[in-house]
Amino acid sequence: MSGIQIGDMIRRIFLIVVGAAIAGYALEAVLIPNAIIDGGITGVSIMGNDLFNIPLGVLLFALNLPFIYLGYKQVGKSFALYSIIGIAALSISTMIMSGIDPILTEKDELLVVLSGGVMLGVGVGTVLRSGGALDGTEVLAVLISSKVPFSVGDIILFINVFIFTAAGFVFSLESALYSVTTYYIAKVVIDVVQVGLESSKSVRIVSNCPREIGQAIQNRLGRGVTYINGTGGFSNEPIEIMNCIITRMEESKVLSIIHEYDPDAFITITDVSEVRGGSFKKRDIH
């Protein structure tokens, strides 16, 4: 293993431990004192802690282990290693922070939901971005999705419906509804942490003047463009398709450039989860 690989592994482990600690603090200092749970195995562990008085850290580690083993079989060694580190760090964090004074002492449900969801999302998102996981539900959902005609997201939602319904009986209906809201906020923050605020978009343009539009995008935005040869389905005439990758903030500028040269251009814009290589660098918009 080279020095670069060792350095990358150390960086990942550090971020996973930090992310797990943030998630643990969100649970112990914000959510659990206000009877609000997370989804997945974490939610089941919180209810188990309340019902049977088993330490939360023990439940988190024990209940997640089978799913990490499945993840090792399905995803690989590195995922299993980083996930075990993350879950162990989360378990230890909740044990250390157990009984910590809540940071929100007054009953302010909105502030609890917002702050708890944001902190939990930052922690879990940091771990996911570093190649690990804090909850085995997604691994289970991947395995089930190969057997049934439903997506991973649909299965996770289905599982969490039962978990949050159970929370309504263990705690209260009000707590269950607050838990659902917190879970949604955390998922949004996780996406932001993983993808970033400036998520990328792919723009594909079919126009009578693709070269002029492409040159304008290069000159004004500093973005590279690619020209693809194609054939019109109705006309059977050769056409040139222009494609480029932009950030979310540049979308309106690109649309105005296209409209300036060809108001009738056919445009498709799709989200891009990740961009690597090439010369995709941030330039000033002018």
C-alpha atoms as a PDB file:
ATOM      1  CA  MET A   1       0.000   0.000   0.000  1.00  0.00           C
ATOM      2  CA  SER A   2       1.465   3.365  -1.060  1.00  0.00           C
ATOM      3  CA  GLY A   3       1.830   6.431   1.121  1.00  0.00           C
ATOM      4  CA  ILE A   4      -1.004   8.147  -0.756  1.00  0.00           C
ATOM      5  CA  GLN A   5      -3.352   5.229  -0.069  1.00  0.00           C
ATOM      6  CA  ILE A   6      -2.408   5.174   3.618  1.00  0.00           C
ATOM      7  CA  GLY A   7      -2.952   8.918   3.861  1.00  0.00           C
ATOM      8  CA  ASP A   8      -6.354   8.606   2.189  1.00  0.00           C
ATOM      9  CA  MET A   9      -7.342   5.813   4.583  1.00  0.00           C
ATOM     10  CA  ILE A  10      -6.302   7.848   7.637  1.00  0.00           C
ATOM     11  CA  ARG A  11      -8.263  10.845   6.326  1.00  0.00           C
ATOM     12  CA  ARG A  12     -11.354   8.713   5.757  1.00  0.00           C
ATOM     13  CA  ILE A  13     -11.169   7.120   9.202  1.00  0.00           C
ATOM     14  CA  PHE A  14     -10.722  10.525  10.855  1.00  0.00           C
ATOM     15  CA  LEU A  15     -13.778  11.944   9.036  1.00  0.00           C
ATOM     16  CA  ILE A  16     -15.835   8.855   9.840  1.00  0.00           C
ATOM     17  CA  VAL A  17     -15.027   9.139  13.557  1.00  0.00           C
ATOM     18  CA  VAL A  18     -15.817  12.873  13.532  1.00  0.00           C
ATOM     19  CA  GLY A  19     -19.092  12.272  11.653  1.00  0.00           C
ATOM     20  CA  ALA A  20     -20.094   9.490  14.041  1.00  0.00           C
ATOM     21  CA  ALA A  21     -19.348  11.729  17.038  1.00  0.00           C
ATOM     22  CA  ILE A  22     -21.534  14.499  15.591  1.00  0.00           C
ATOM     23  CA  ALA A  23     -24.363  12.015  15.005  1.00  0.00           C
ATOM     24  CA  GLY A  24     -23.944  10.652  18.543  1.00  0.00           C
ATOM     25  CA  TYR A  25     -24.126  14.165  19.996  1.00  0.00           C
ATOM     26  CA  ALA A  26     -27.273  14.890  17.974  1.00  0.00           C
ATOM     27  CA  LEU A  27     -28.892  11.761  19.403  1.00  0.00           C
ATOM     28  CA  GLU A  28     -27.865  12.182  23.041  1.00  0.00           C
ATOM     29  CA  ALA A  29     -28.023  15.973  23.408  1.00  0.00           C
ATOM     30  CA  VAL A  30     -30.992  16.810  21.209  1.00  0.00           C
ATOM     31  CA  LEU A  31     -33.213  13.990  19.973  1.00  0.00           C
ATOM     32  CA  ILE A  32     -33.376  11.291  22.655  1.00  0.00           C
ATOM     33  CA  PRO A  33     -34.056  13.699  25.567  1.00  0.00           C
ATOM     34  CA  ASN A  34     -37.057  14.950  23.583  1.00  0.00           C
ATOM     35  CA  ALA A  35     -38.308  11.432  22.682  1.00  0.00           C
ATOM     36  CA  ILE A  36     -37.448  11.832  18.982  1.00  0.00           C
ATOM     37  CA  ILE A  37     -35.875   8.963  17.072  1.00  0.00           C
ATOM     38  CA  ASP A  38     -34.068   8.445  13.782  1.00  0.00           C
ATOM     39  CA  GLY A  39     -35.075   5.898  11.165  1.00  0.00           C
ATOM     40  CA  GLY A  40     -33.546   2.500  10.526  1.00  0.00           C
ATOM     41  CA  ILE A  41     -31.543   0.460  13.030  1.00  0.00           C
ATOM     42  CA  THR A  42     -30.803   3.603  15.033  1.00  0.00           C
ATOM     43  CA  GLY A  43     -34.516   4.143  15.632  1.00  0.00           C
ATOM     44  CA  VAL A  44     -35.008   0.517  16.665  1.00  0.00           C
ATOM     45  CA  SER A  45     -32.031   0.810  19.036  1.00  0.00           C
ATOM     46  CA  ILE A  46     -33.459   3.942  20.668  1.00  0.00           C
ATOM     47  CA  MET A  47     -36.793   2.202  21.257  1.00  0.00           C
ATOM     48  CA  GLY A  48     -34.986  -0.876  22.604  1.00  0.00           C
ATOM     49  CA  ASN A  49     -33.052   1.316  25.003  1.00  0.00           C
ATOM     50  CA  ASP A  50     -36.280   2.872  26.269  1.00  0.00           C
ATOM     51  CA  LEU A  51     -38.167  -0.431  26.610  1.00  0.00           C
ATOM     52  CA  PHE A  52     -35.479  -2.753  27.968  1.00  0.00           C
ATOM     53  CA  ASN A  53     -32.951  -0.298  29.430  1.00  0.00           C
ATOM     54  CA  ILE A  54     -30.147  -1.815  27.351  1.00  0.00           C
ATOM     55  CA  PRO A  55     -27.368   0.720  26.651  1.00  0.00           C
ATOM     56  CA  LEU A  56     -27.951   2.425  23.309  1.00  0.00           C
ATOM     57  CA  GLY A  57     -24.333   1.905  22.237  1.00  0.00           C
ATOM     58  CA  VAL A  58     -24.594  -1.851  22.755  1.00  0.00           C
ATOM     59  CA  LEU A  59     -27.793  -2.081  20.718  1.00  0.00           C
ATOM     60  CA  LEU A  60     -26.390   0.051  17.896  1.00  0.00           C
ATOM     61  CA  PHE A  61     -23.341  -2.141  17.521  1.00  0.00           C
ATOM     62  CA  ALA A  62     -25.085  -5.510  17.991  1.00  0.00           C
ATOM     63  CA  LEU A  63     -28.040  -4.848  15.680  1.00  0.00           C
ATOM     64  CA  ASN A  64     -25.893  -3.399  12.888  1.00  0.00           C
ATOM     65  CA  LEU A  65     -23.281  -6.193  12.801  1.00  0.00           C
ATOM     66  CA  PRO A  66     -25.360  -8.660  10.728  1.00  0.00           C
ATOM     67  CA  PHE A  67     -26.002  -6.008   8.103  1.00  0.00           C
ATOM     68  CA  ILE A  68     -22.338  -5.041   7.950  1.00  0.00           C
ATOM     69  CA  TYR A  69     -21.549  -8.690   7.265  1.00  0.00           C
ATOM     70  CA  LEU A  70     -24.071  -8.616   4.428  1.00  0.00           C
ATOM     71  CA  GLY A  71     -22.464  -5.400   3.208  1.00  0.00           C
ATOM     72  CA  TYR A  72     -19.091  -7.129   3.175  1.00  0.00           C
ATOM     73  CA  LYS A  73     -20.555  -9.828   0.950  1.00  0.00           C
ATOM     74  CA  GLN A  74     -22.341  -7.395  -1.375  1.00  0.00           C
ATOM     75  CA  VAL A  75     -20.140  -4.276  -1.481  1.00  0.00           C
ATOM     76  CA  GLY A  76     -16.646  -5.238  -0.340  1.00  0.00           C
ATOM     77  CA  LYS A  77     -14.028  -5.173   2.391  1.00  0.00           C
ATOM     78  CA  SER A  78     -13.402  -1.426   2.475  1.00  0.00           C
ATOM     79  CA  PHE A  79     -17.102  -0.651   2.956  1.00  0.00           C
ATOM     80  CA  ALA A  80     -17.346  -3.184   5.777  1.00  0.00           C
ATOM     81  CA  LEU A  81     -14.177  -1.859   7.443  1.00  0.00           C
ATOM     82  CA  TYR A  82     -15.212   1.790   7.316  1.00  0.00           C
ATOM     83  CA  SER A  83     -18.754   0.933   8.415  1.00  0.00           C
ATOM     84  CA  ILE A  84     -17.536  -1.059  11.431  1.00  0.00           C
ATOM     85  CA  ILE A  85     -15.326   1.876  12.411  1.00  0.00           C
ATOM     86  CA  GLY A  86     -18.255   4.270  12.007  1.00  0.00           C
ATOM     87  CA  ILE A  87     -20.716   2.150  13.970  1.00  0.00           C
ATOM     88  CA  ALA A  88     -18.149   1.496  16.705  1.00  0.00           C
ATOM     89  CA  ALA A  89     -17.432   5.247  16.925  1.00  0.00           C
ATOM     90  CA  LEU A  90     -21.176   5.989  17.092  1.00  0.00           C
ATOM     91  CA  SER A  91     -21.694   3.355  19.793  1.00  0.00           C
ATOM     92  CA  ILE A  92     -18.788   4.663  21.884  1.00  0.00           C
ATOM     93  CA  SER A  93     -19.948   8.267  21.390  1.00  0.00           C
ATOM     94  CA  THR A  94     -23.450   7.506  22.671  1.00  0.00           C
ATOM     95  CA  MET A  95     -21.982   5.683  25.689  1.00  0.00           C
ATOM     96  CA  ILE A  96     -19.656   8.581  26.537  1.00  0.00           C
ATOM     97  CA  MET A  97     -22.372  11.192  25.999  1.00  0.00           C
ATOM     98  CA  SER A  98     -25.148   9.224  27.710  1.00  0.00           C
ATOM     99  CA  GLY A  99     -26.822  11.439  30.289  1.00  0.00           C
ATOM    100  CA  ILE A 100     -25.277  14.618  28.870  1.00  0.00           C
ATOM    101  CA  ASP A 101     -27.281  17.772  29.542  1.00  0.00           C
ATOM    102  CA  PRO A 102     -29.560  18.546  26.572  1.00  0.00           C
ATOM    103  CA  ILE A 103     -28.557  21.674  24.677  1.00  0.00           C
ATOM    104  CA  LEU A 104     -32.251  22.586  24.387  1.00  0.00           C
ATOM    105  CA  THR A 105     -33.629  22.672  27.897  1.00  0.00           C
ATOM    106  CA  GLU A 106     -36.974  24.282  27.064  1.00  0.00           C
ATOM    107  CA  LYS A 107     -39.686  22.480  25.136  1.00  0.00           C
ATOM    108  CA  ASP A 108     -39.274  23.975  21.665  1.00  0.00           C
ATOM    109  CA  GLU A 109     -40.246  21.265  19.203  1.00  0.00           C
ATOM    110  CA  LEU A 110     -39.419  23.212  16.052  1.00  0.00           C
ATOM    111  CA  LEU A 111     -35.903  24.069  17.236  1.00  0.00           C
ATOM    112  CA  VAL A 112     -35.331  20.485  18.393  1.00  0.00           C
ATOM    113  CA  VAL A 113     -36.415  19.046  15.039  1.00  0.00           C
ATOM    114  CA  LEU A 114     -34.376  21.519  12.991  1.00  0.00           C
ATOM    115  CA  SER A 115     -31.166  21.394  15.021  1.00  0.00           C
ATOM    116  CA  GLY A 116     -31.335  17.640  15.586  1.00  0.00           C
ATOM    117  CA  GLY A 117     -32.047  16.917  11.924  1.00  0.00           C
ATOM    118  CA  VAL A 118     -29.247  19.178  10.703  1.00  0.00           C
ATOM    119  CA  MET A 119     -26.635  17.794  13.116  1.00  0.00           C
ATOM    120  CA  LEU A 120     -27.645  14.199  12.414  1.00  0.00           C
ATOM    121  CA  GLY A 121     -27.535  14.855   8.670  1.00  0.00           C
ATOM    122  CA  VAL A 122     -24.072  16.408   8.863  1.00  0.00           C
ATOM    123  CA  GLY A 123     -22.751  13.476  10.879  1.00  0.00           C
ATOM    124  CA  VAL A 124     -24.271  10.703   8.758  1.00  0.00           C
ATOM    125  CA  GLY A 125     -23.462  12.543   5.514  1.00  0.00           C
ATOM    126  CA  THR A 126     -19.813  12.893   6.508  1.00  0.00           C
ATOM    127  CA  VAL A 127     -19.581   9.157   7.181  1.00  0.00           C
ATOM    128  CA  LEU A 128     -21.299   8.234   3.901  1.00  0.00           C
ATOM    129  CA  ARG A 129     -19.088  10.591   1.912  1.00  0.00           C
ATOM    130  CA  SER A 130     -16.045   8.926   3.478  1.00  0.00           C
ATOM    131  CA  GLY A 131     -17.125   5.463   2.327  1.00  0.00           C
ATOM    132  CA  GLY A 132     -18.773   4.078   5.464  1.00  0.00           C
ATOM    133  CA  ALA A 133     -22.249   3.786   6.971  1.00  0.00           C
ATOM    134  CA  LEU A 134     -23.873   4.185  10.380  1.00  0.00           C
ATOM    135  CA  ASP A 135     -27.018   2.162   9.707  1.00  0.00           C
ATOM    136  CA  GLY A 136     -27.537  -1.270   8.182  1.00  0.00           C
ATOM    137  CA  THR A 137     -31.007  -0.552   6.803  1.00  0.00           C
ATOM    138  CA  GLU A 138     -29.675   0.505   3.392  1.00  0.00           C
ATOM    139  CA  VAL A 139     -27.697  -2.736   3.056  1.00  0.00           C
ATOM    140  CA  LEU A 140     -30.857  -4.707   3.838  1.00  0.00           C
ATOM    141  CA  ALA A 141     -32.806  -2.632   1.313  1.00  0.00           C
ATOM    142  CA  VAL A 142     -30.245  -3.387  -1.419  1.00  0.00           C
ATOM    143  CA  LEU A 143     -30.602  -7.133  -0.779  1.00  0.00           C
ATOM    144  CA  ILE A 144     -34.424  -7.009  -0.756  1.00  0.00           C
ATOM    145  CA  SER A 145     -34.561  -4.884  -3.923  1.00  0.00           C
ATOM    146  CA  SER A 146     -32.914  -7.691  -5.889  1.00  0.00           C
ATOM    147  CA  LYS A 147     -35.846  -9.963  -4.997  1.00  0.00           C
ATOM    148  CA  VAL A 148     -38.823  -7.585  -5.371  1.00  0.00           C
ATOM    149  CA  PRO A 149     -39.895  -5.004  -8.002  1.00  0.00           C
ATOM    150  CA  PHE A 150     -39.207  -1.996  -5.764  1.00  0.00           C
ATOM    151  CA  SER A 151     -36.318   0.470  -5.557  1.00  0.00           C
ATOM    152  CA  VAL A 152     -33.931   0.752  -2.602  1.00  0.00           C
ATOM    153  CA  GLY A 153     -35.509   4.089  -1.646  1.00  0.00           C
ATOM    154  CA  ASP A 154     -39.012   2.573  -1.663  1.00  0.00           C
ATOM    155  CA  ILE A 155     -37.904  -0.278   0.591  1.00  0.00           C
ATOM    156  CA  ILE A 156     -36.162   2.046   3.064  1.00  0.00           C
ATOM    157  CA  LEU A 157     -39.308   4.189   3.204  1.00  0.00           C
ATOM    158  CA  PHE A 158     -41.436   1.068   3.756  1.00  0.00           C
ATOM    159  CA  ILE A 159     -39.194  -0.132   6.602  1.00  0.00           C
ATOM    160  CA  ASN A 160     -39.186   3.277   8.261  1.00  0.00           C
ATOM    161  CA  VAL A 161     -42.983   3.495   8.119  1.00  0.00           C
ATOM    162  CA  PHE A 162     -43.110   0.518  10.477  1.00  0.00           C
ATOM    163  CA  ILE A 163     -40.353   1.949  12.687  1.00  0.00           C
ATOM    164  CA  PHE A 164     -42.004   5.352  13.067  1.00  0.00           C
ATOM    165  CA  THR A 165     -45.387   3.689  13.625  1.00  0.00           C
ATOM    166  CA  ALA A 166     -43.842   1.646  16.433  1.00  0.00           C
ATOM    167  CA  ALA A 167     -42.395   4.877  17.854  1.00  0.00           C
ATOM    168  CA  GLY A 168     -45.928   6.188  18.125  1.00  0.00           C
ATOM    169  CA  PHE A 169     -46.760   3.329  20.507  1.00  0.00           C
ATOM    170  CA  VAL A 170     -43.481   3.419  22.455  1.00  0.00           C
ATOM    171  CA  PHE A 171     -43.428   7.188  22.914  1.00  0.00           C
ATOM    172  CA  SER A 172     -46.412   9.073  21.490  1.00  0.00           C
ATOM    173  CA  LEU A 173     -48.013   9.971  18.181  1.00  0.00           C
ATOM    174  CA  GLU A 174     -46.589  13.472  18.534  1.00  0.00           C
ATOM    175  CA  SER A 175     -43.063  12.105  18.976  1.00  0.00           C
ATOM    176  CA  ALA A 176     -43.499   9.862  15.935  1.00  0.00           C
ATOM    177  CA  LEU A 177     -44.548  12.805  13.757  1.00  0.00           C
ATOM    178  CA  TYR A 178     -41.617  14.904  14.988  1.00  0.00           C
ATOM    179  CA  SER A 179     -39.333  11.936  14.275  1.00  0.00           C
ATOM    180  CA  VAL A 180     -40.567  11.745  10.669  1.00  0.00           C
ATOM    181  CA  THR A 181     -39.890  15.464  10.207  1.00  0.00           C
ATOM    182  CA  THR A 182     -36.419  15.151  11.735  1.00  0.00           C
ATOM    183  CA  TYR A 183     -35.671  12.178   9.487  1.00  0.00           C
ATOM    184  CA  TYR A 184     -36.675  14.183   6.394  1.00  0.00           C
ATOM    185  CA  ILE A 185     -34.485  17.146   7.397  1.00  0.00           C
ATOM    186  CA  ALA A 186     -31.553  14.813   8.043  1.00  0.00           C
ATOM    187  CA  LYS A 187     -31.960  13.197   4.594  1.00  0.00           C
ATOM    188  CA  VAL A 188     -31.909  16.614   2.909  1.00  0.00           C
ATOM    189  CA  VAL A 189     -28.747  17.617   4.796  1.00  0.00           C
ATOM    190  CA  ILE A 190     -27.119  14.262   3.966  1.00  0.00           C
ATOM    191  CA  ASP A 191     -27.665  14.954   0.261  1.00  0.00           C
ATOM    192  CA  VAL A 192     -26.108  18.415   0.629  1.00  0.00           C
ATOM    193  CA  VAL A 193     -23.068  17.003   2.456  1.00  0.00           C
ATOM    194  CA  GLN A 194     -22.591  14.232  -0.104  1.00  0.00           C
ATOM    195  CA  VAL A 195     -23.235  16.212  -3.289  1.00  0.00           C
ATOM    196  CA  GLY A 196     -22.481  19.773  -2.184  1.00  0.00           C
ATOM    197  CA  LEU A 197     -24.392  23.017  -2.541  1.00  0.00           C
ATOM    198  CA  GLU A 198     -23.255  23.480  -6.118  1.00  0.00           C
ATOM    199  CA  SER A 199     -24.537  20.228  -7.557  1.00  0.00           C
ATOM    200  CA  SER A 200     -23.636  19.649 -11.188  1.00  0.00           C
ATOM    201  CA  LYS A 201     -25.993  19.439 -14.147  1.00  0.00           C
ATOM    202  CA  SER A 202     -25.596  18.052 -17.641  1.00  0.00           C
ATOM    203  CA  VAL A 203     -26.994  20.228 -20.439  1.00  0.00           C
ATOM    204  CA  ARG A 204     -27.702  18.760 -23.874  1.00  0.00           C
ATOM    205  CA  ILE A 205     -28.733  21.126 -26.679  1.00  0.00           C
ATOM    206  CA  VAL A 206     -30.086  20.365 -30.138  1.00  0.00           C
ATOM    207  CA  SER A 207     -29.934  23.565 -32.179  1.00  0.00           C
ATOM    208  CA  ASN A 208     -29.336  24.951 -35.653  1.00  0.00           C
ATOM    209  CA  CYS A 209     -26.348  26.881 -34.314  1.00  0.00           C
ATOM    210  CA  PRO A 210     -24.650  24.634 -31.718  1.00  0.00           C
ATOM    211  CA  ARG A 211     -21.153  25.992 -32.440  1.00  0.00           C
ATOM    212  CA  GLU A 212     -22.180  29.577 -31.715  1.00  0.00           C
ATOM    213  CA  ILE A 213     -23.913  28.556 -28.468  1.00  0.00           C
ATOM    214  CA  GLY A 214     -20.963  26.404 -27.439  1.00  0.00           C
ATOM    215  CA  GLN A 215     -18.470  29.197 -28.119  1.00  0.00           C
ATOM    216  CA  ALA A 216     -20.552  31.646 -26.072  1.00  0.00           C
ATOM    217  CA  ILE A 217     -20.705  29.209 -23.134  1.00  0.00           C
ATOM    218  CA  GLN A 218     -16.944  28.754 -23.295  1.00  0.00           C
ATOM    219  CA  ASN A 219     -16.279  32.498 -23.490  1.00  0.00           C
ATOM    220  CA  ARG A 220     -18.762  33.641 -20.833  1.00  0.00           C
ATOM    221  CA  LEU A 221     -18.710  30.742 -18.366  1.00  0.00           C
ATOM    222  CA  GLY A 222     -15.352  29.130 -19.059  1.00  0.00           C
ATOM    223  CA  ARG A 223     -17.020  25.726 -19.387  1.00  0.00           C
ATOM    224  CA  GLY A 224     -15.828  23.123 -21.857  1.00  0.00           C
ATOM    225  CA  VAL A 225     -18.323  21.774 -24.371  1.00  0.00           C
ATOM    226  CA  THR A 226     -18.527  18.605 -26.449  1.00  0.00           C
ATOM    227  CA  TYR A 227     -20.125  18.232 -29.884  1.00  0.00           C
ATOM    228  CA  ILE A 228     -21.806  14.948 -30.803  1.00  0.00           C
ATOM    229  CA  ASN A 229     -22.914  13.963 -34.289  1.00  0.00           C
ATOM    230  CA  GLY A 230     -26.454  12.660 -34.590  1.00  0.00           C
ATOM    231  CA  THR A 231     -29.360  12.169 -36.982  1.00  0.00           C
ATOM    232  CA  GLY A 232     -32.808  13.725 -36.713  1.00  0.00           C
ATOM    233  CA  GLY A 233     -35.529  11.125 -36.183  1.00  0.00           C
ATOM    234  CA  PHE A 234     -38.117  12.894 -38.370  1.00  0.00           C
ATOM    235  CA  SER A 235     -35.917  14.684 -40.873  1.00  0.00           C
ATOM    236  CA  ASN A 236     -33.229  11.977 -41.141  1.00  0.00           C
ATOM    237  CA  GLU A 237     -30.789  14.857 -41.585  1.00  0.00           C
ATOM    238  CA  PRO A 238     -27.434  15.037 -39.774  1.00  0.00           C
ATOM    239  CA  ILE A 239     -27.442  17.255 -36.680  1.00  0.00           C
ATOM    240  CA  GLU A 240     -24.853  18.355 -34.156  1.00  0.00           C
ATOM    241  CA  ILE A 241     -25.657  17.999 -30.459  1.00  0.00           C
ATOM    242  CA  MET A 242     -23.822  20.125 -27.896  1.00  0.00           C
ATOM    243  CA  ASN A 243     -23.235  18.838 -24.371  1.00  0.00           C
ATOM    244  CA  CYS A 244     -21.670  20.536 -21.325  1.00  0.00           C
ATOM    245  CA  ILE A 245     -21.509  20.207 -17.538  1.00  0.00           C
ATOM    246  CA  ILE A 246     -22.413  23.224 -15.401  1.00  0.00           C
ATOM    247  CA  THR A 247     -23.217  24.014 -11.770  1.00  0.00           C
ATOM    248  CA  ARG A 248     -26.707  24.699 -10.478  1.00  0.00           C
ATOM    249  CA  MET A 249     -25.896  28.396 -10.145  1.00  0.00           C
ATOM    250  CA  GLU A 250     -24.993  28.639 -13.825  1.00  0.00           C
ATOM    251  CA  GLU A 251     -28.204  27.130 -15.157  1.00  0.00           C
ATOM    252  CA  SER A 252     -30.102  30.405 -15.695  1.00  0.00           C
ATOM    253  CA  LYS A 253     -27.081  31.967 -17.409  1.00  0.00           C
ATOM    254  CA  VAL A 254     -26.768  29.033 -19.805  1.00  0.00           C
ATOM    255  CA  LEU A 255     -30.480  29.186 -20.649  1.00  0.00           C
ATOM    256  CA  SER A 256     -30.222  32.899 -21.423  1.00  0.00           C
ATOM    257  CA  ILE A 257     -27.235  32.258 -23.722  1.00  0.00           C
ATOM    258  CA  ILE A 258     -29.137  29.533 -25.583  1.00  0.00           C
ATOM    259  CA  HIS A 259     -32.242  31.717 -25.938  1.00  0.00           C
ATOM    260  CA  GLU A 260     -30.098  34.547 -27.292  1.00  0.00           C
ATOM    261  CA  TYR A 261     -28.820  32.443 -30.186  1.00  0.00           C
ATOM    262  CA  ASP A 262     -31.722  30.022 -30.752  1.00  0.00           C
ATOM    263  CA  PRO A 263     -35.060  30.512 -28.941  1.00  0.00           C
ATOM    264  CA  ASP A 264     -36.349  27.273 -30.482  1.00  0.00           C
ATOM    265  CA  ALA A 265     -33.443  25.079 -29.338  1.00  0.00           C
ATOM    266  CA  PHE A 266     -34.331  21.724 -27.792  1.00  0.00           C
ATOM    267  CA  ILE A 267     -32.759  21.535 -24.311  1.00  0.00           C
ATOM    268  CA  THR A 268     -32.535  18.755 -21.740  1.00  0.00           C
ATOM    269  CA  ILE A 269     -31.021  19.358 -18.286  1.00  0.00           C
ATOM    270  CA  THR A 270     -30.312  16.467 -15.922  1.00  0.00           C
ATOM    271  CA  ASP A 271     -28.738  16.223 -12.477  1.00  0.00           C
ATOM    272  CA  VAL A 272     -25.219  14.778 -12.237  1.00  0.00           C
ATOM    273  CA  SER A 273     -24.245  13.073  -8.982  1.00  0.00           C
ATOM    274  CA  GLU A 274     -20.479  13.402  -9.475  1.00  0.00           C
ATOM    275  CA  VAL A 275     -17.956  14.906 -11.901  1.00  0.00           C
ATOM    276  CA  ARG A 276     -14.372  13.674 -12.158  1.00  0.00           C
ATOM    277  CA  GLY A 277     -11.505  14.377 -14.490  1.00  0.00           C
ATOM    278  CA  GLY A 278     -11.439  16.717 -17.454  1.00  0.00           C
ATOM    279  CA  SER A 279     -11.216  20.456 -16.923  1.00  0.00           C
ATOM    280  CA  PHE A 280     -14.369  20.961 -14.875  1.00  0.00           C
ATOM    281  CA  LYS A 281     -13.282  23.852 -12.673  1.00  0.00           C
ATOM    282  CA  LYS A 282     -15.160  26.743 -11.147  1.00  0.00           C
ATOM    283  CA  ARG A 283     -14.899  29.968 -13.155  1.00  0.00           C
ATOM    284  CA  ASP A 284     -16.351  33.382 -12.502  1.00  0.00           C
ATOM    285  CA  ILE A 285     -19.673  34.076 -14.224  1.00  0.00           C
ATOM    286  CA  HIS A 286     -19.586  37.265 -16.267  1.00  0.00           C
END
